[in-house]
PDB file of N, CA and C in Angstrom:
ATOM      1  N   MET A   1      13.994  13.051 -23.297  1.00  0.00           N
ATOM      2  CA  MET A   1      12.631  13.405 -23.604  1.00  0.00           C
ATOM      3  C   MET A   1      11.758  13.167 -22.358  1.00  0.00           C
ATOM      4  N   ALA A   2      10.944  14.121 -22.032  1.00  0.00           N
ATOM      5  CA  ALA A   2      10.092  14.028 -20.841  1.00  0.00           C
ATOM      6  C   ALA A   2       8.870  13.170 -21.137  1.00  0.00           C
ATOM      7  N   GLU A   3       8.435  12.428 -20.136  1.00  0.00           N
ATOM      8  CA  GLU A   3       7.237  11.612 -20.290  1.00  0.00           C
ATOM      9  C   GLU A   3       5.994  12.486 -20.193  1.00  0.00           C
ATOM     10  N   LEU A   4       4.975  12.106 -20.941  1.00  0.00           N
ATOM     11  CA  LEU A   4       3.716  12.835 -20.891  1.00  0.00           C
ATOM     12  C   LEU A   4       2.917  12.415 -19.670  1.00  0.00           C
ATOM     13  N   LYS A   5       2.286  13.381 -19.056  1.00  0.00           N
ATOM     14  CA  LYS A   5       1.409  13.111 -17.922  1.00  0.00           C
ATOM     15  C   LYS A   5       0.043  12.693 -18.457  1.00  0.00           C
ATOM     16  N   THR A   6      -0.735  12.071 -17.608  1.00  0.00           N
ATOM     17  CA  THR A   6      -2.065  11.607 -18.005  1.00  0.00           C
ATOM     18  C   THR A   6      -2.923  12.757 -18.520  1.00  0.00           C
ATOM     19  N   GLU A   7      -2.862  13.890 -17.876  1.00  0.00           N
ATOM     20  CA  GLU A   7      -3.656  15.050 -18.308  1.00  0.00           C
ATOM     21  C   GLU A   7      -3.238  15.513 -19.701  1.00  0.00           C
ATOM     22  N   GLN A   8      -1.956  15.459 -19.999  1.00  0.00           N
ATOM     23  CA  GLN A   8      -1.465  15.872 -21.311  1.00  0.00           C
ATOM     24  C   GLN A   8      -1.927  14.895 -22.395  1.00  0.00           C
ATOM     25  N   ILE A   9      -1.924  13.619 -22.083  1.00  0.00           N
ATOM     26  CA  ILE A   9      -2.380  12.614 -23.044  1.00  0.00           C
ATOM     27  C   ILE A   9      -3.861  12.806 -23.338  1.00  0.00           C
ATOM     28  N   ILE A  10      -4.638  13.034 -22.294  1.00  0.00           N
ATOM     29  CA  ILE A  10      -6.076  13.273 -22.475  1.00  0.00           C
ATOM     30  C   ILE A  10      -6.312  14.530 -23.306  1.00  0.00           C
ATOM     31  N   ALA A  11      -5.553  15.585 -23.040  1.00  0.00           N
ATOM     32  CA  ALA A  11      -5.690  16.832 -23.792  1.00  0.00           C
ATOM     33  C   ALA A  11      -5.351  16.624 -25.268  1.00  0.00           C
ATOM     34  N   LEU A  12      -4.436  15.738 -25.574  1.00  0.00           N
ATOM     35  CA  LEU A  12      -4.080  15.460 -26.968  1.00  0.00           C
ATOM     36  C   LEU A  12      -5.115  14.574 -27.661  1.00  0.00           C
ATOM     37  N   LEU A  13      -5.669  13.616 -26.947  1.00  0.00           N
ATOM     38  CA  LEU A  13      -6.599  12.667 -27.540  1.00  0.00           C
ATOM     39  C   LEU A  13      -8.039  13.167 -27.604  1.00  0.00           C
ATOM     40  N   ALA A  14      -8.441  14.036 -26.715  1.00  0.00           N
ATOM     41  CA  ALA A  14      -9.832  14.492 -26.650  1.00  0.00           C
ATOM     42  C   ALA A  14     -10.334  15.087 -27.972  1.00  0.00           C
ATOM     43  N   PRO A  15      -9.601  15.988 -28.620  1.00  0.00           N
ATOM     44  CA  PRO A  15     -10.112  16.527 -29.889  1.00  0.00           C
ATOM     45  C   PRO A  15     -10.254  15.461 -30.980  1.00  0.00           C
ATOM     46  N   ILE A  16      -9.347  14.513 -31.016  1.00  0.00           N
ATOM     47  CA  ILE A  16      -9.425  13.447 -32.013  1.00  0.00           C
ATOM     48  C   ILE A  16     -10.654  12.584 -31.770  1.00  0.00           C
ATOM     49  N   ILE A  17     -10.930  12.276 -30.517  1.00  0.00           N
ATOM     50  CA  ILE A  17     -12.094  11.464 -30.174  1.00  0.00           C
ATOM     51  C   ILE A  17     -13.387  12.204 -30.507  1.00  0.00           C
ATOM     52  N   VAL A  18     -13.437  13.491 -30.218  1.00  0.00           N
ATOM     53  CA  VAL A  18     -14.635  14.291 -30.516  1.00  0.00           C
ATOM     54  C   VAL A  18     -14.869  14.355 -32.024  1.00  0.00           C
ATOM     55  N   ILE A  19     -13.815  14.571 -32.800  1.00  0.00           N
ATOM     56  CA  ILE A  19     -13.933  14.612 -34.263  1.00  0.00           C
ATOM     57  C   ILE A  19     -14.405  13.264 -34.784  1.00  0.00           C
ATOM     58  N   GLN A  20     -13.817  12.174 -34.294  1.00  0.00           N
ATOM     59  CA  GLN A  20     -14.204  10.830 -34.719  1.00  0.00           C
ATOM     60  C   GLN A  20     -15.682  10.566 -34.445  1.00  0.00           C
ATOM     61  N   LEU A  21     -16.119  10.847 -33.238  1.00  0.00           N
ATOM     62  CA  LEU A  21     -17.519  10.598 -32.894  1.00  0.00           C
ATOM     63  C   LEU A  21     -18.469  11.475 -33.700  1.00  0.00           C
ATOM     64  N   GLY A  22     -18.101  12.738 -33.899  1.00  0.00           N
ATOM     65  CA  GLY A  22     -18.939  13.637 -34.690  1.00  0.00           C
ATOM     66  C   GLY A  22     -19.079  13.168 -36.125  1.00  0.00           C
ATOM     67  N   LEU A  23     -17.962  12.779 -36.741  1.00  0.00           N
ATOM     68  CA  LEU A  23     -18.004  12.274 -38.119  1.00  0.00           C
ATOM     69  C   LEU A  23     -18.820  10.989 -38.204  1.00  0.00           C
ATOM     70  N   MET A  24     -18.618  10.095 -37.251  1.00  0.00           N
ATOM     71  CA  MET A  24     -19.327   8.818 -37.271  1.00  0.00           C
ATOM     72  C   MET A  24     -20.836   9.027 -37.122  1.00  0.00           C
ATOM     73  N   ILE A  25     -21.242   9.865 -36.190  1.00  0.00           N
ATOM     74  CA  ILE A  25     -22.668  10.114 -35.980  1.00  0.00           C
ATOM     75  C   ILE A  25     -23.283  10.790 -37.196  1.00  0.00           C
ATOM     76  N   ALA A  26     -22.602  11.788 -37.758  1.00  0.00           N
ATOM     77  CA  ALA A  26     -23.123  12.478 -38.939  1.00  0.00           C
ATOM     78  C   ALA A  26     -23.270  11.513 -40.115  1.00  0.00           C
ATOM     79  N   ALA A  27     -22.279  10.649 -40.318  1.00  0.00           N
ATOM     80  CA  ALA A  27     -22.331   9.701 -41.429  1.00  0.00           C
ATOM     81  C   ALA A  27     -23.444   8.676 -41.225  1.00  0.00           C
ATOM     82  N   LEU A  28     -23.600   8.166 -40.009  1.00  0.00           N
ATOM     83  CA  LEU A  28     -24.652   7.177 -39.751  1.00  0.00           C
ATOM     84  C   LEU A  28     -26.040   7.783 -39.881  1.00  0.00           C
ATOM     85  N   VAL A  29     -26.218   9.015 -39.423  1.00  0.00           N
ATOM     86  CA  VAL A  29     -27.519   9.696 -39.577  1.00  0.00           C
ATOM     87  C   VAL A  29     -27.825   9.898 -41.051  1.00  0.00           C
ATOM     88  N   ASP A  30     -26.836  10.327 -41.823  1.00  0.00           N
ATOM     89  CA  ASP A  30     -27.034  10.519 -43.258  1.00  0.00           C
ATOM     90  C   ASP A  30     -27.343   9.186 -43.946  1.00  0.00           C
ATOM     91  N   LEU A  31     -26.654   8.139 -43.553  1.00  0.00           N
ATOM     92  CA  LEU A  31     -26.850   6.815 -44.147  1.00  0.00           C
ATOM     93  C   LEU A  31     -28.260   6.293 -43.906  1.00  0.00           C
ATOM     94  N   GLU A  32     -28.837   6.595 -42.763  1.00  0.00           N
ATOM     95  CA  GLU A  32     -30.149   6.075 -42.401  1.00  0.00           C
ATOM     96  C   GLU A  32     -31.315   6.793 -43.068  1.00  0.00           C
ATOM     97  N   ARG A  33     -31.047   7.892 -43.732  1.00  0.00           N
ATOM     98  CA  ARG A  33     -32.135   8.591 -44.424  1.00  0.00           C
ATOM     99  C   ARG A  33     -32.756   7.674 -45.473  1.00  0.00           C
ATOM    100  N   ASP A  34     -34.083   7.666 -45.561  1.00  0.00           N
ATOM    101  CA  ASP A  34     -34.780   6.778 -46.497  1.00  0.00           C
ATOM    102  C   ASP A  34     -34.414   7.066 -47.948  1.00  0.00           C
ATOM    103  N   GLU A  35     -34.235   8.328 -48.284  1.00  0.00           N
ATOM    104  CA  GLU A  35     -33.969   8.682 -49.682  1.00  0.00           C
ATOM    105  C   GLU A  35     -32.495   8.541 -50.059  1.00  0.00           C
ATOM    106  N   ARG A  36     -31.639   8.165 -49.128  1.00  0.00           N
ATOM    107  CA  ARG A  36     -30.207   8.039 -49.403  1.00  0.00           C
ATOM    108  C   ARG A  36     -29.912   6.741 -50.142  1.00  0.00           C
ATOM    109  N   HIS A  37     -29.211   6.844 -51.266  1.00  0.00           N
ATOM    110  CA  HIS A  37     -28.739   5.687 -52.021  1.00  0.00           C
ATOM    111  C   HIS A  37     -27.226   5.665 -51.909  1.00  0.00           C
ATOM    112  N   VAL A  38     -26.654   4.460 -51.801  1.00  0.00           N
ATOM    113  CA  VAL A  38     -25.207   4.332 -51.631  1.00  0.00           C
ATOM    114  C   VAL A  38     -24.609   3.506 -52.768  1.00  0.00           C
ATOM    115  N   ARG A  39     -23.337   3.724 -53.029  1.00  0.00           N
ATOM    116  CA  ARG A  39     -22.635   2.936 -54.034  1.00  0.00           C
ATOM    117  C   ARG A  39     -22.538   1.496 -53.544  1.00  0.00           C
ATOM    118  N   GLY A  40     -22.798   0.561 -54.423  1.00  0.00           N
ATOM    119  CA  GLY A  40     -22.780  -0.838 -54.044  1.00  0.00           C
ATOM    120  C   GLY A  40     -24.121  -1.319 -53.522  1.00  0.00           C
ATOM    121  N   GLY A  41     -24.996  -0.402 -53.148  1.00  0.00           N
ATOM    122  CA  GLY A  41     -26.345  -0.742 -52.739  1.00  0.00           C
ATOM    123  C   GLY A  41     -26.509  -1.291 -51.336  1.00  0.00           C
ATOM    124  N   SER A  42     -25.428  -1.496 -50.586  1.00  0.00           N
ATOM    125  CA  SER A  42     -25.551  -2.099 -49.264  1.00  0.00           C
ATOM    126  C   SER A  42     -25.259  -1.079 -48.165  1.00  0.00           C
ATOM    127  N   LYS A  43     -26.309  -0.645 -47.495  1.00  0.00           N
ATOM    128  CA  LYS A  43     -26.133   0.289 -46.384  1.00  0.00           C
ATOM    129  C   LYS A  43     -25.437  -0.379 -45.206  1.00  0.00           C
ATOM    130  N   LEU A  44     -25.646  -1.694 -45.041  1.00  0.00           N
ATOM    131  CA  LEU A  44     -24.999  -2.415 -43.950  1.00  0.00           C
ATOM    132  C   LEU A  44     -23.482  -2.385 -44.092  1.00  0.00           C
ATOM    133  N   VAL A  45     -22.987  -2.616 -45.294  1.00  0.00           N
ATOM    134  CA  VAL A  45     -21.531  -2.588 -45.516  1.00  0.00           C
ATOM    135  C   VAL A  45     -20.990  -1.198 -45.225  1.00  0.00           C
ATOM    136  N   TRP A  46     -21.693  -0.166 -45.684  1.00  0.00           N
ATOM    137  CA  TRP A  46     -21.227   1.193 -45.422  1.00  0.00           C
ATOM    138  C   TRP A  46     -21.279   1.520 -43.931  1.00  0.00           C
ATOM    139  N   ALA A  47     -22.280   1.023 -43.216  1.00  0.00           N
ATOM    140  CA  ALA A  47     -22.346   1.250 -41.768  1.00  0.00           C
ATOM    141  C   ALA A  47     -21.147   0.607 -41.075  1.00  0.00           C
ATOM    142  N   LEU A  48     -20.760  -0.595 -41.501  1.00  0.00           N
ATOM    143  CA  LEU A  48     -19.595  -1.259 -40.929  1.00  0.00           C
ATOM    144  C   LEU A  48     -18.313  -0.479 -41.232  1.00  0.00           C
ATOM    145  N   VAL A  49     -18.196   0.043 -42.445  1.00  0.00           N
ATOM    146  CA  VAL A  49     -17.017   0.858 -42.804  1.00  0.00           C
ATOM    147  C   VAL A  49     -16.968   2.099 -41.929  1.00  0.00           C
ATOM    148  N   ILE A  50     -18.092   2.760 -41.775  1.00  0.00           N
ATOM    149  CA  ILE A  50     -18.150   3.988 -40.971  1.00  0.00           C
ATOM    150  C   ILE A  50     -17.735   3.713 -39.529  1.00  0.00           C
ATOM    151  N   VAL A  51     -18.228   2.627 -38.954  1.00  0.00           N
ATOM    152  CA  VAL A  51     -17.989   2.349 -37.542  1.00  0.00           C
ATOM    153  C   VAL A  51     -16.588   1.794 -37.286  1.00  0.00           C
ATOM    154  N   PHE A  52     -16.106   0.910 -38.153  1.00  0.00           N
ATOM    155  CA  PHE A  52     -14.882   0.185 -37.841  1.00  0.00           C
ATOM    156  C   PHE A  52     -13.615   0.708 -38.507  1.00  0.00           C
ATOM    157  N   VAL A  53     -13.699   1.689 -39.382  1.00  0.00           N
ATOM    158  CA  VAL A  53     -12.496   2.200 -40.037  1.00  0.00           C
ATOM    159  C   VAL A  53     -12.120   3.574 -39.480  1.00  0.00           C
ATOM    160  N   ASN A  54     -12.426   3.792 -38.235  1.00  0.00           N
ATOM    161  CA  ASN A  54     -12.066   5.001 -37.492  1.00  0.00           C
ATOM    162  C   ASN A  54     -12.338   6.278 -38.268  1.00  0.00           C
ATOM    163  N   VAL A  55     -11.450   7.240 -38.246  1.00  0.00           N
ATOM    164  CA  VAL A  55     -11.699   8.559 -38.842  1.00  0.00           C
ATOM    165  C   VAL A  55     -11.854   8.465 -40.358  1.00  0.00           C
ATOM    166  N   ILE A  56     -11.143   7.563 -40.988  1.00  0.00           N
ATOM    167  CA  ILE A  56     -11.157   7.471 -42.447  1.00  0.00           C
ATOM    168  C   ILE A  56     -12.503   6.944 -42.971  1.00  0.00           C
ATOM    169  N   GLY A  57     -13.149   6.028 -42.268  1.00  0.00           N
ATOM    170  CA  GLY A  57     -14.410   5.435 -42.716  1.00  0.00           C
ATOM    171  C   GLY A  57     -15.497   6.452 -43.022  1.00  0.00           C
ATOM    172  N   PRO A  58     -15.829   7.342 -42.086  1.00  0.00           N
ATOM    173  CA  PRO A  58     -16.856   8.349 -42.383  1.00  0.00           C
ATOM    174  C   PRO A  58     -16.453   9.291 -43.521  1.00  0.00           C
ATOM    175  N   ILE A  59     -15.184   9.625 -43.597  1.00  0.00           N
ATOM    176  CA  ILE A  59     -14.721  10.511 -44.682  1.00  0.00           C
ATOM    177  C   ILE A  59     -14.880   9.817 -46.027  1.00  0.00           C
ATOM    178  N   VAL A  60     -14.501   8.538 -46.110  1.00  0.00           N
ATOM    179  CA  VAL A  60     -14.666   7.774 -47.356  1.00  0.00           C
ATOM    180  C   VAL A  60     -16.144   7.701 -47.729  1.00  0.00           C
ATOM    181  N   TYR A  61     -17.000   7.495 -46.748  1.00  0.00           N
ATOM    182  CA  TYR A  61     -18.438   7.455 -47.025  1.00  0.00           C
ATOM    183  C   TYR A  61     -18.917   8.775 -47.620  1.00  0.00           C
ATOM    184  N   PHE A  62     -18.553   9.896 -47.001  1.00  0.00           N
ATOM    185  CA  PHE A  62     -19.020  11.196 -47.503  1.00  0.00           C
ATOM    186  C   PHE A  62     -18.451  11.508 -48.889  1.00  0.00           C
ATOM    187  N   VAL A  63     -17.234  11.091 -49.160  1.00  0.00           N
ATOM    188  CA  VAL A  63     -16.594  11.411 -50.443  1.00  0.00           C
ATOM    189  C   VAL A  63     -17.018  10.444 -51.552  1.00  0.00           C
ATOM    190  N   ALA A  64     -17.050   9.134 -51.260  1.00  0.00           N
ATOM    191  CA  ALA A  64     -17.251   8.160 -52.326  1.00  0.00           C
ATOM    192  C   ALA A  64     -18.478   7.285 -52.160  1.00  0.00           C
ATOM    193  N   GLY A  65     -19.054   7.192 -50.992  1.00  0.00           N
ATOM    194  CA  GLY A  65     -20.113   6.232 -50.756  1.00  0.00           C
ATOM    195  C   GLY A  65     -21.511   6.677 -51.132  1.00  0.00           C
ATOM    196  N   ARG A  66     -21.752   7.971 -51.110  1.00  0.00           N
ATOM    197  CA  ARG A  66     -23.101   8.462 -51.356  1.00  0.00           C
ATOM    198  C   ARG A  66     -23.336   8.640 -52.845  1.00  0.00           C
ATOM    199  N   GLU A  67     -24.562   8.350 -53.259  1.00  0.00           N
ATOM    200  CA  GLU A  67     -24.992   8.653 -54.621  1.00  0.00           C
ATOM    201  C   GLU A  67     -26.073   9.711 -54.536  1.00  0.00           C
ATOM    202  N   GLU A  68     -25.997  10.660 -55.400  1.00  0.00           N
ATOM    203  CA  GLU A  68     -27.021  11.704 -55.430  1.00  0.00           C
ATOM    204  C   GLU A  68     -28.277  11.160 -56.100  1.00  0.00           C
ATOM    205  N   ALA A  69     -29.410  11.386 -55.481  1.00  0.00           N
ATOM    206  CA  ALA A  69     -30.696  10.857 -56.003  1.00  0.00           C
ATOM    207  C   ALA A  69     -31.202  11.682 -57.151  1.00  0.00           C
TER     208      ALA A  69
END
């Protein structure tokens, strides 16, 4: 098996990093809205989940964390 070059590794990781950052920013912006209510009532806990649980955190927030007003 051939070793990957640095450029190949960057090419593989770049889309994942862009998706992660986009999801995280979108989730944090949505979380900060004044009219947004979250399950459990703690926006701080959801912010920590979004930031520290990588790609899954923002997805969990969008699917299960938001409550419709």
